[in-house]
Amino acid sequence: MKEKLAIAGVVILVGAGVYFSVRNMKHPADDPALSSIAKIAPVVKSICVTPIQNLSHKQVAMDNIDDEFVAQLNKVGFVSQKASGGKCDATTNAELVDITGRGRKTARIDFRLTLANEQVPRMSSSVEGKSGGKDGEGSLEKTVSEFKINPDPKESVGAEHEAIIAALGKTAAQIDAANRKGLPPWQAKEQ
């Protein structure tokens, strides 16, 4: 009789343990604080760049923008290339979402970084870049040119391109910073 009670007690304890582990939102495998097994942080050395899409609903010269993003990623230390079927540790998807301003342009780019063996992005972010740079020169010519009533359309195209390149530089810097921190899994913010 005692044996049957002991077996029943063990079955109840195991059943309760399974029930609570399934219902617990923080599983040890998902939470490093609860896990006794250390996960290895992914190391990204090479990045493939997919074509950057223009979703801004504005005419923007997107020529060589992908090449510029590849150059920005190379500048921060990654081996990067256009996505053409080559083997990469990660892939970026980016869109030009908005471009605003008259003389000095601001470009906003949304991007995601997805590891080669995963489907969910490891990183998702928005960056803004501005034309005009931070050259610190408050020259009279520059100040006067900002007040042109009808700026030359060719200058506007150059300013748009400059703003996009500035945003891509910030994108590369964010990817590099995240990679240095071990690329923790991205989690959407609940609203």
C-alpha atoms as a PDB file:
ATOM      1  CA  MET A   1       0.000   0.000   0.000  1.00  0.00           C
ATOM      2  CA  LYS A   2       2.845   2.376   0.895  1.00  0.00           C
ATOM      3  CA  GLU A   3       4.464   1.641  -2.463  1.00  0.00           C
ATOM      4  CA  LYS A   4       1.298   2.588  -4.337  1.00  0.00           C
ATOM      5  CA  LEU A   5       0.987   5.844  -2.356  1.00  0.00           C
ATOM      6  CA  ALA A   6       4.640   6.684  -3.023  1.00  0.00           C
ATOM      7  CA  ILE A   7       4.203   6.059  -6.769  1.00  0.00           C
ATOM      8  CA  ALA A   8       0.989   8.111  -6.830  1.00  0.00           C
ATOM      9  CA  GLY A   9       2.779  10.944  -4.976  1.00  0.00           C
ATOM     10  CA  VAL A  10       5.661  10.917  -7.464  1.00  0.00           C
ATOM     11  CA  VAL A  11       3.219  10.925 -10.415  1.00  0.00           C
ATOM     12  CA  ILE A  12       1.342  13.888  -8.921  1.00  0.00           C
ATOM     13  CA  LEU A  13       4.591  15.810  -8.328  1.00  0.00           C
ATOM     14  CA  VAL A  14       5.849  15.125 -11.856  1.00  0.00           C
ATOM     15  CA  GLY A  15       2.450  16.098 -13.306  1.00  0.00           C
ATOM     16  CA  ALA A  16       2.433  19.349 -11.289  1.00  0.00           C
ATOM     17  CA  GLY A  17       6.008  20.101 -12.403  1.00  0.00           C
ATOM     18  CA  VAL A  18       5.148  19.589 -16.057  1.00  0.00           C
ATOM     19  CA  TYR A  19       1.981  21.684 -15.700  1.00  0.00           C
ATOM     20  CA  PHE A  20       3.817  24.639 -14.127  1.00  0.00           C
ATOM     21  CA  SER A  21       6.754  24.497 -16.536  1.00  0.00           C
ATOM     22  CA  VAL A  22       4.372  24.640 -19.506  1.00  0.00           C
ATOM     23  CA  ARG A  23       2.379  27.497 -17.992  1.00  0.00           C
ATOM     24  CA  ASN A  24       5.482  29.484 -16.977  1.00  0.00           C
ATOM     25  CA  MET A  25       6.128  32.277 -19.507  1.00  0.00           C
ATOM     26  CA  LYS A  26       9.867  32.357 -18.792  1.00  0.00           C
ATOM     27  CA  HIS A  27      11.443  29.116 -19.873  1.00  0.00           C
ATOM     28  CA  PRO A  28      15.019  28.508 -18.771  1.00  0.00           C
ATOM     29  CA  ALA A  29      16.086  27.969 -22.367  1.00  0.00           C
ATOM     30  CA  ASP A  30      14.780  31.431 -23.334  1.00  0.00           C
ATOM     31  CA  ASP A  31      15.949  33.432 -20.315  1.00  0.00           C
ATOM     32  CA  PRO A  32      19.710  33.532 -19.661  1.00  0.00           C
ATOM     33  CA  ALA A  33      19.098  34.453 -16.011  1.00  0.00           C
ATOM     34  CA  LEU A  34      17.150  31.219 -15.489  1.00  0.00           C
ATOM     35  CA  SER A  35      19.317  29.007 -17.646  1.00  0.00           C
ATOM     36  CA  SER A  36      22.265  27.017 -16.452  1.00  0.00           C
ATOM     37  CA  ILE A  37      23.322  26.484 -20.050  1.00  0.00           C
ATOM     38  CA  ALA A  38      25.197  29.422 -21.560  1.00  0.00           C
ATOM     39  CA  LYS A  39      24.154  30.229 -25.108  1.00  0.00           C
ATOM     40  CA  ILE A  40      26.812  31.092 -27.629  1.00  0.00           C
ATOM     41  CA  ALA A  41      26.355  34.573 -29.069  1.00  0.00           C
ATOM     42  CA  PRO A  42      26.245  34.609 -32.865  1.00  0.00           C
ATOM     43  CA  VAL A  43      29.195  36.219 -34.593  1.00  0.00           C
ATOM     44  CA  VAL A  44      28.411  38.108 -37.771  1.00  0.00           C
ATOM     45  CA  LYS A  45      31.371  38.666 -40.055  1.00  0.00           C
ATOM     46  CA  SER A  46      29.716  38.860 -43.468  1.00  0.00           C
ATOM     47  CA  ILE A  47      26.491  40.631 -44.443  1.00  0.00           C
ATOM     48  CA  CYS A  48      24.528  40.431 -47.672  1.00  0.00           C
ATOM     49  CA  VAL A  49      22.678  43.603 -48.660  1.00  0.00           C
ATOM     50  CA  THR A  50      19.334  43.204 -50.421  1.00  0.00           C
ATOM     51  CA  PRO A  51      18.236  46.026 -52.745  1.00  0.00           C
ATOM     52  CA  ILE A  52      17.015  49.024 -50.767  1.00  0.00           C
ATOM     53  CA  GLN A  53      13.441  49.871 -51.681  1.00  0.00           C
ATOM     54  CA  ASN A  54      12.012  53.372 -52.019  1.00  0.00           C
ATOM     55  CA  LEU A  55       8.726  53.414 -50.085  1.00  0.00           C
ATOM     56  CA  SER A  56       8.703  57.194 -49.596  1.00  0.00           C
ATOM     57  CA  HIS A  57       6.253  57.853 -52.478  1.00  0.00           C
ATOM     58  CA  LYS A  58       8.724  60.437 -53.789  1.00  0.00           C
ATOM     59  CA  GLN A  59      11.013  60.381 -56.787  1.00  0.00           C
ATOM     60  CA  VAL A  60      14.448  59.695 -55.359  1.00  0.00           C
ATOM     61  CA  ALA A  61      17.564  58.705 -57.275  1.00  0.00           C
ATOM     62  CA  MET A  62      18.340  55.270 -55.801  1.00  0.00           C
ATOM     63  CA  ASP A  63      21.310  54.637 -58.126  1.00  0.00           C
ATOM     64  CA  ASN A  64      24.242  53.003 -56.324  1.00  0.00           C
ATOM     65  CA  ILE A  65      22.538  53.226 -52.909  1.00  0.00           C
ATOM     66  CA  ASP A  66      23.037  49.485 -52.368  1.00  0.00           C
ATOM     67  CA  ASP A  67      26.733  49.853 -53.223  1.00  0.00           C
ATOM     68  CA  GLU A  68      26.957  52.733 -50.759  1.00  0.00           C
ATOM     69  CA  PHE A  69      25.435  50.581 -47.996  1.00  0.00           C
ATOM     70  CA  VAL A  70      27.944  47.813 -48.798  1.00  0.00           C
ATOM     71  CA  ALA A  71      30.744  50.407 -48.506  1.00  0.00           C
ATOM     72  CA  GLN A  72      29.390  51.690 -45.153  1.00  0.00           C
ATOM     73  CA  LEU A  73      29.257  48.134 -43.770  1.00  0.00           C
ATOM     74  CA  ASN A  74      32.786  47.468 -45.018  1.00  0.00           C
ATOM     75  CA  LYS A  75      33.921  50.697 -43.347  1.00  0.00           C
ATOM     76  CA  VAL A  76      32.780  49.471 -39.897  1.00  0.00           C
ATOM     77  CA  GLY A  77      34.500  46.111 -40.353  1.00  0.00           C
ATOM     78  CA  PHE A  78      32.074  43.686 -41.993  1.00  0.00           C
ATOM     79  CA  VAL A  79      32.700  41.765 -45.191  1.00  0.00           C
ATOM     80  CA  SER A  80      29.631  42.772 -47.161  1.00  0.00           C
ATOM     81  CA  GLN A  81      28.280  42.307 -50.636  1.00  0.00           C
ATOM     82  CA  LYS A  82      25.072  42.649 -52.576  1.00  0.00           C
ATOM     83  CA  ALA A  83      22.749  39.686 -52.076  1.00  0.00           C
ATOM     84  CA  SER A  84      23.420  37.510 -55.090  1.00  0.00           C
ATOM     85  CA  GLY A  85      23.276  33.999 -53.728  1.00  0.00           C
ATOM     86  CA  GLY A  86      26.643  34.210 -51.949  1.00  0.00           C
ATOM     87  CA  LYS A  87      27.158  32.801 -48.457  1.00  0.00           C
ATOM     88  CA  CYS A  88      26.685  35.385 -45.683  1.00  0.00           C
ATOM     89  CA  ASP A  89      26.226  35.223 -41.915  1.00  0.00           C
ATOM     90  CA  ALA A  90      23.348  37.730 -42.092  1.00  0.00           C
ATOM     91  CA  THR A  91      21.176  39.652 -44.523  1.00  0.00           C
ATOM     92  CA  THR A  92      19.849  43.205 -44.312  1.00  0.00           C
ATOM     93  CA  ASN A  93      16.527  44.393 -45.662  1.00  0.00           C
ATOM     94  CA  ALA A  94      16.097  48.157 -45.795  1.00  0.00           C
ATOM     95  CA  GLU A  95      13.566  50.652 -47.071  1.00  0.00           C
ATOM     96  CA  LEU A  96      13.720  54.380 -47.594  1.00  0.00           C
ATOM     97  CA  VAL A  97      10.522  55.306 -45.776  1.00  0.00           C
ATOM     98  CA  ASP A  98      10.547  59.081 -45.824  1.00  0.00           C
ATOM     99  CA  ILE A  99      12.547  61.984 -47.141  1.00  0.00           C
ATOM    100  CA  THR A 100      11.711  65.494 -45.987  1.00  0.00           C
ATOM    101  CA  GLY A 101      13.073  68.997 -46.109  1.00  0.00           C
ATOM    102  CA  ARG A 102      13.642  71.649 -48.728  1.00  0.00           C
ATOM    103  CA  GLY A 103      17.290  72.668 -48.848  1.00  0.00           C
ATOM    104  CA  ARG A 104      18.629  70.349 -46.184  1.00  0.00           C
ATOM    105  CA  LYS A 105      17.091  66.896 -46.515  1.00  0.00           C
ATOM    106  CA  THR A 106      16.340  64.273 -43.865  1.00  0.00           C
ATOM    107  CA  ALA A 107      16.066  60.627 -44.905  1.00  0.00           C
ATOM    108  CA  ARG A 108      14.517  57.939 -42.697  1.00  0.00           C
ATOM    109  CA  ILE A 109      15.433  54.317 -43.350  1.00  0.00           C
ATOM    110  CA  ASP A 110      13.874  51.269 -41.693  1.00  0.00           C
ATOM    111  CA  PHE A 111      16.047  48.169 -41.664  1.00  0.00           C
ATOM    112  CA  ARG A 112      16.144  44.615 -40.368  1.00  0.00           C
ATOM    113  CA  LEU A 113      19.091  42.271 -39.865  1.00  0.00           C
ATOM    114  CA  THR A 114      18.334  38.552 -40.144  1.00  0.00           C
ATOM    115  CA  LEU A 115      20.856  35.818 -39.404  1.00  0.00           C
ATOM    116  CA  ALA A 116      21.368  33.186 -42.105  1.00  0.00           C
ATOM    117  CA  ASN A 117      19.955  30.327 -40.023  1.00  0.00           C
ATOM    118  CA  GLU A 118      16.955  32.250 -38.647  1.00  0.00           C
ATOM    119  CA  GLN A 119      13.700  33.649 -40.013  1.00  0.00           C
ATOM    120  CA  VAL A 120      12.937  36.238 -37.349  1.00  0.00           C
ATOM    121  CA  PRO A 121      15.077  39.401 -37.578  1.00  0.00           C
ATOM    122  CA  ARG A 122      17.723  39.802 -34.879  1.00  0.00           C
ATOM    123  CA  MET A 123      17.537  43.549 -35.230  1.00  0.00           C
ATOM    124  CA  SER A 124      14.923  46.005 -36.466  1.00  0.00           C
ATOM    125  CA  SER A 125      15.366  49.745 -36.314  1.00  0.00           C
ATOM    126  CA  SER A 126      14.829  53.145 -37.929  1.00  0.00           C
ATOM    127  CA  VAL A 127      17.573  55.650 -38.558  1.00  0.00           C
ATOM    128  CA  GLU A 128      17.602  59.217 -39.830  1.00  0.00           C
ATOM    129  CA  GLY A 129      20.320  60.903 -41.779  1.00  0.00           C
ATOM    130  CA  LYS A 130      20.595  64.566 -42.718  1.00  0.00           C
ATOM    131  CA  SER A 131      22.307  66.240 -45.614  1.00  0.00           C
ATOM    132  CA  GLY A 132      24.726  69.027 -44.948  1.00  0.00           C
ATOM    133  CA  GLY A 133      26.884  67.064 -42.526  1.00  0.00           C
ATOM    134  CA  LYS A 134      28.505  68.395 -39.373  1.00  0.00           C
ATOM    135  CA  ASP A 135      31.345  70.362 -40.864  1.00  0.00           C
ATOM    136  CA  GLY A 136      31.074  73.117 -38.263  1.00  0.00           C
ATOM    137  CA  GLU A 137      31.703  75.812 -40.873  1.00  0.00           C
ATOM    138  CA  GLY A 138      29.166  78.545 -40.458  1.00  0.00           C
ATOM    139  CA  SER A 139      30.286  80.253 -43.623  1.00  0.00           C
ATOM    140  CA  LEU A 140      28.249  83.084 -45.093  1.00  0.00           C
ATOM    141  CA  GLU A 141      27.862  81.259 -48.421  1.00  0.00           C
ATOM    142  CA  LYS A 142      26.339  78.240 -46.718  1.00  0.00           C
ATOM    143  CA  THR A 143      23.974  80.385 -44.660  1.00  0.00           C
ATOM    144  CA  VAL A 144      22.873  82.377 -47.705  1.00  0.00           C
ATOM    145  CA  SER A 145      22.358  79.215 -49.811  1.00  0.00           C
ATOM    146  CA  GLU A 146      19.965  77.811 -47.196  1.00  0.00           C
ATOM    147  CA  PHE A 147      17.585  80.700 -47.842  1.00  0.00           C
ATOM    148  CA  LYS A 148      17.134  80.169 -51.571  1.00  0.00           C
ATOM    149  CA  ILE A 149      13.457  80.352 -52.436  1.00  0.00           C
ATOM    150  CA  ASN A 150      13.620  77.915 -55.351  1.00  0.00           C
ATOM    151  CA  PRO A 151      16.601  75.638 -54.823  1.00  0.00           C
ATOM    152  CA  ASP A 152      18.149  74.039 -57.880  1.00  0.00           C
ATOM    153  CA  PRO A 153      16.590  70.567 -58.402  1.00  0.00           C
ATOM    154  CA  LYS A 154      20.062  69.104 -59.038  1.00  0.00           C
ATOM    155  CA  GLU A 155      21.173  70.294 -55.587  1.00  0.00           C
ATOM    156  CA  SER A 156      18.045  68.713 -54.097  1.00  0.00           C
ATOM    157  CA  VAL A 157      18.961  65.349 -55.629  1.00  0.00           C
ATOM    158  CA  GLY A 158      22.467  65.663 -54.184  1.00  0.00           C
ATOM    159  CA  ALA A 159      21.043  66.567 -50.783  1.00  0.00           C
ATOM    160  CA  GLU A 160      18.678  63.574 -50.892  1.00  0.00           C
ATOM    161  CA  HIS A 161      21.553  61.269 -51.792  1.00  0.00           C
ATOM    162  CA  GLU A 162      23.697  62.758 -49.017  1.00  0.00           C
ATOM    163  CA  ALA A 163      20.896  62.286 -46.454  1.00  0.00           C
ATOM    164  CA  ILE A 164      20.405  58.659 -47.507  1.00  0.00           C
ATOM    165  CA  ILE A 165      24.144  57.964 -47.239  1.00  0.00           C
ATOM    166  CA  ALA A 166      24.205  59.555 -43.769  1.00  0.00           C
ATOM    167  CA  ALA A 167      21.322  57.291 -42.696  1.00  0.00           C
ATOM    168  CA  LEU A 168      23.089  54.232 -44.133  1.00  0.00           C
ATOM    169  CA  GLY A 169      26.219  55.161 -42.162  1.00  0.00           C
ATOM    170  CA  LYS A 170      24.167  55.242 -38.956  1.00  0.00           C
ATOM    171  CA  THR A 171      22.584  51.919 -39.916  1.00  0.00           C
ATOM    172  CA  ALA A 172      26.018  50.311 -40.309  1.00  0.00           C
ATOM    173  CA  ALA A 173      27.103  51.762 -36.951  1.00  0.00           C
ATOM    174  CA  GLN A 174      23.982  50.344 -35.230  1.00  0.00           C
ATOM    175  CA  ILE A 175      24.579  46.901 -36.730  1.00  0.00           C
ATOM    176  CA  ASP A 176      28.212  47.002 -35.601  1.00  0.00           C
ATOM    177  CA  ALA A 177      27.232  48.061 -32.056  1.00  0.00           C
ATOM    178  CA  ALA A 178      24.623  45.289 -31.823  1.00  0.00           C
ATOM    179  CA  ASN A 179      27.116  42.737 -33.129  1.00  0.00           C
ATOM    180  CA  ARG A 180      29.622  43.775 -30.448  1.00  0.00           C
ATOM    181  CA  LYS A 181      26.921  43.154 -27.797  1.00  0.00           C
ATOM    182  CA  GLY A 182      26.267  39.636 -29.134  1.00  0.00           C
ATOM    183  CA  LEU A 183      23.150  40.405 -31.201  1.00  0.00           C
ATOM    184  CA  PRO A 184      20.534  39.631 -28.580  1.00  0.00           C
ATOM    185  CA  PRO A 185      17.242  38.447 -30.083  1.00  0.00           C
ATOM    186  CA  TRP A 186      15.015  41.342 -31.114  1.00  0.00           C
ATOM    187  CA  GLN A 187      11.689  41.541 -29.343  1.00  0.00           C
ATOM    188  CA  ALA A 188       8.849  43.742 -30.481  1.00  0.00           C
ATOM    189  CA  LYS A 189       7.657  46.263 -27.928  1.00  0.00           C
ATOM    190  CA  GLU A 190       4.171  45.576 -26.667  1.00  0.00           C
ATOM    191  CA  GLN A 191       1.821  48.519 -26.866  1.00  0.00           C
END
